[in-house]
Amino acid sequence: MERAGDQNSWELVLEKVRAELDAEDFRRWFGSTSYAGDSGDQINVWIGSEAIRRHIETHYRDEIDRALVALNRSDTMIRFIVAGFGDEEEEEQENL
């Protein structure tokens, strides 16, 4: 489910989040993320480490939720998938 031209749904969320954060904080915490897929009710995002996943979910949940609302995707979940985890460990990851 792609939206708005060539941008994927995660890029659209990131645009909104970037507007609310200091450039260095945005780069530090969101720079290692990349779009993995969008099923309509869930956006899957690759992320570099478990520590970054935890930090984003703890400190930037509100910004991500506001971005989803602004994009008319308030019922959409963000699922961060930490690169390098096996399938069993991925399934245990919490949704945002």
C-alpha atoms as a PDB file:
ATOM      1  CA  MET A   1       0.000   0.000   0.000  1.00  0.00           C
ATOM      2  CA  GLU A   2       1.975   2.967  -1.284  1.00  0.00           C
ATOM      3  CA  ARG A   3       0.866   6.570  -0.924  1.00  0.00           C
ATOM      4  CA  ALA A   4       1.740  10.030  -2.249  1.00  0.00           C
ATOM      5  CA  GLY A   5       3.779   9.405  -5.353  1.00  0.00           C
ATOM      6  CA  ASP A   6       7.106   7.671  -4.919  1.00  0.00           C
ATOM      7  CA  GLN A   7       7.274   7.901  -1.122  1.00  0.00           C
ATOM      8  CA  ASN A   8       6.492   4.842   0.939  1.00  0.00           C
ATOM      9  CA  SER A   9       4.347   5.053   4.054  1.00  0.00           C
ATOM     10  CA  TRP A  10       7.318   5.026   6.463  1.00  0.00           C
ATOM     11  CA  GLU A  11       8.941   7.946   4.607  1.00  0.00           C
ATOM     12  CA  LEU A  12       5.698   9.899   4.997  1.00  0.00           C
ATOM     13  CA  VAL A  13       5.685   9.184   8.744  1.00  0.00           C
ATOM     14  CA  LEU A  14       9.344  10.209   8.979  1.00  0.00           C
ATOM     15  CA  GLU A  15       8.632  13.550   7.279  1.00  0.00           C
ATOM     16  CA  LYS A  16       6.133  14.399  10.013  1.00  0.00           C
ATOM     17  CA  VAL A  17       8.400  13.171  12.824  1.00  0.00           C
ATOM     18  CA  ARG A  18      11.414  15.062  11.400  1.00  0.00           C
ATOM     19  CA  ALA A  19       9.460  18.328  11.657  1.00  0.00           C
ATOM     20  CA  GLU A  20       9.112  17.832  15.432  1.00  0.00           C
ATOM     21  CA  LEU A  21      12.692  16.823  16.298  1.00  0.00           C
ATOM     22  CA  ASP A  22      16.144  18.328  16.429  1.00  0.00           C
ATOM     23  CA  ALA A  23      18.049  17.278  13.277  1.00  0.00           C
ATOM     24  CA  GLU A  24      20.737  15.422  15.251  1.00  0.00           C
ATOM     25  CA  ASP A  25      18.190  13.502  17.352  1.00  0.00           C
ATOM     26  CA  PHE A  26      16.285  12.553  14.228  1.00  0.00           C
ATOM     27  CA  ARG A  27      19.449  11.302  12.508  1.00  0.00           C
ATOM     28  CA  ARG A  28      20.634   9.422  15.587  1.00  0.00           C
ATOM     29  CA  TRP A  29      17.400   7.559  16.292  1.00  0.00           C
ATOM     30  CA  PHE A  30      15.673   7.267  12.916  1.00  0.00           C
ATOM     31  CA  GLY A  31      18.649   7.175  10.538  1.00  0.00           C
ATOM     32  CA  SER A  32      19.024   3.394  10.739  1.00  0.00           C
ATOM     33  CA  THR A  33      15.367   2.678   9.992  1.00  0.00           C
ATOM     34  CA  SER A  34      14.087   1.550   6.611  1.00  0.00           C
ATOM     35  CA  TYR A  35      10.767   0.592   5.113  1.00  0.00           C
ATOM     36  CA  ALA A  36       9.998  -3.137   5.045  1.00  0.00           C
ATOM     37  CA  GLY A  37       6.333  -3.177   3.991  1.00  0.00           C
ATOM     38  CA  ASP A  38       2.799  -1.907   4.499  1.00  0.00           C
ATOM     39  CA  SER A  39      -0.211  -4.209   4.794  1.00  0.00           C
ATOM     40  CA  GLY A  40      -2.655  -1.350   5.333  1.00  0.00           C
ATOM     41  CA  ASP A  41      -3.128  -1.857   9.062  1.00  0.00           C
ATOM     42  CA  GLN A  42       0.577  -2.335   9.848  1.00  0.00           C
ATOM     43  CA  ILE A  43       3.738  -0.641   8.597  1.00  0.00           C
ATOM     44  CA  ASN A  44       6.822  -2.840   8.988  1.00  0.00           C
ATOM     45  CA  VAL A  45      10.114  -1.043   9.540  1.00  0.00           C
ATOM     46  CA  TRP A  46      13.646  -2.466   9.685  1.00  0.00           C
ATOM     47  CA  ILE A  47      15.689  -1.056  12.550  1.00  0.00           C
ATOM     48  CA  GLY A  48      19.382  -1.391  13.387  1.00  0.00           C
ATOM     49  CA  SER A  49      19.315  -2.612  16.985  1.00  0.00           C
ATOM     50  CA  GLU A  50      17.115  -3.560  19.894  1.00  0.00           C
ATOM     51  CA  ALA A  51      18.429  -0.563  21.864  1.00  0.00           C
ATOM     52  CA  ILE A  52      17.312   1.850  19.139  1.00  0.00           C
ATOM     53  CA  ARG A  53      13.921   0.122  18.906  1.00  0.00           C
ATOM     54  CA  ARG A  54      13.391   0.484  22.654  1.00  0.00           C
ATOM     55  CA  HIS A  55      14.490   4.129  22.620  1.00  0.00           C
ATOM     56  CA  ILE A  56      12.162   5.052  19.752  1.00  0.00           C
ATOM     57  CA  GLU A  57       9.209   3.259  21.332  1.00  0.00           C
ATOM     58  CA  THR A  58       9.893   4.853  24.724  1.00  0.00           C
ATOM     59  CA  HIS A  59      10.706   8.409  23.644  1.00  0.00           C
ATOM     60  CA  TYR A  60       9.060   8.987  20.252  1.00  0.00           C
ATOM     61  CA  ARG A  61       5.770   7.077  20.397  1.00  0.00           C
ATOM     62  CA  ASP A  62       3.739  10.312  20.617  1.00  0.00           C
ATOM     63  CA  GLU A  63       5.469  11.853  17.592  1.00  0.00           C
ATOM     64  CA  ILE A  64       4.875   8.706  15.532  1.00  0.00           C
ATOM     65  CA  ASP A  65       1.232   8.527  16.636  1.00  0.00           C
ATOM     66  CA  ARG A  66       0.707  12.192  15.675  1.00  0.00           C
ATOM     67  CA  ALA A  67       2.267  11.513  12.273  1.00  0.00           C
ATOM     68  CA  LEU A  68      -0.081   8.576  11.696  1.00  0.00           C
ATOM     69  CA  VAL A  69      -3.098  10.701  12.645  1.00  0.00           C
ATOM     70  CA  ALA A  70      -1.957  13.473  10.275  1.00  0.00           C
ATOM     71  CA  LEU A  71      -1.707  10.873   7.488  1.00  0.00           C
ATOM     72  CA  ASN A  72      -5.198   9.509   8.256  1.00  0.00           C
ATOM     73  CA  ARG A  73      -3.615   6.251   9.450  1.00  0.00           C
ATOM     74  CA  SER A  74      -4.527   6.427  13.158  1.00  0.00           C
ATOM     75  CA  ASP A  75      -5.513   2.723  13.188  1.00  0.00           C
ATOM     76  CA  THR A  76      -2.173   1.665  11.708  1.00  0.00           C
ATOM     77  CA  MET A  77       0.413  -0.100  13.868  1.00  0.00           C
ATOM     78  CA  ILE A  78       4.157   0.356  13.396  1.00  0.00           C
ATOM     79  CA  ARG A  79       6.124  -2.883  13.770  1.00  0.00           C
ATOM     80  CA  PHE A  80       9.865  -2.456  14.200  1.00  0.00           C
ATOM     81  CA  ILE A  81      11.854  -5.480  13.052  1.00  0.00           C
ATOM     82  CA  VAL A  82      15.371  -5.576  14.446  1.00  0.00           C
ATOM     83  CA  ALA A  83      17.784  -6.749  11.748  1.00  0.00           C
ATOM     84  CA  GLY A  84      19.613  -9.946  12.627  1.00  0.00           C
ATOM     85  CA  PHE A  85      16.919 -11.476  14.830  1.00  0.00           C
ATOM     86  CA  GLY A  86      15.569 -14.899  13.963  1.00  0.00           C
ATOM     87  CA  ASP A  87      11.900 -15.438  13.146  1.00  0.00           C
ATOM     88  CA  GLU A  88      11.032 -16.563  16.673  1.00  0.00           C
ATOM     89  CA  GLU A  89      12.604 -13.476  18.222  1.00  0.00           C
ATOM     90  CA  GLU A  90      10.939 -11.176  15.670  1.00  0.00           C
ATOM     91  CA  GLU A  91       7.528 -12.492  16.667  1.00  0.00           C
ATOM     92  CA  GLU A  92       8.238 -11.526  20.268  1.00  0.00           C
ATOM     93  CA  GLN A  93       8.917  -7.880  19.353  1.00  0.00           C
ATOM     94  CA  GLU A  94       6.253  -5.504  20.604  1.00  0.00           C
ATOM     95  CA  ASN A  95       4.201  -3.417  18.184  1.00  0.00           C
ATOM     96  CA  LEU A  96       4.158   0.333  18.509  1.00  0.00           C
END
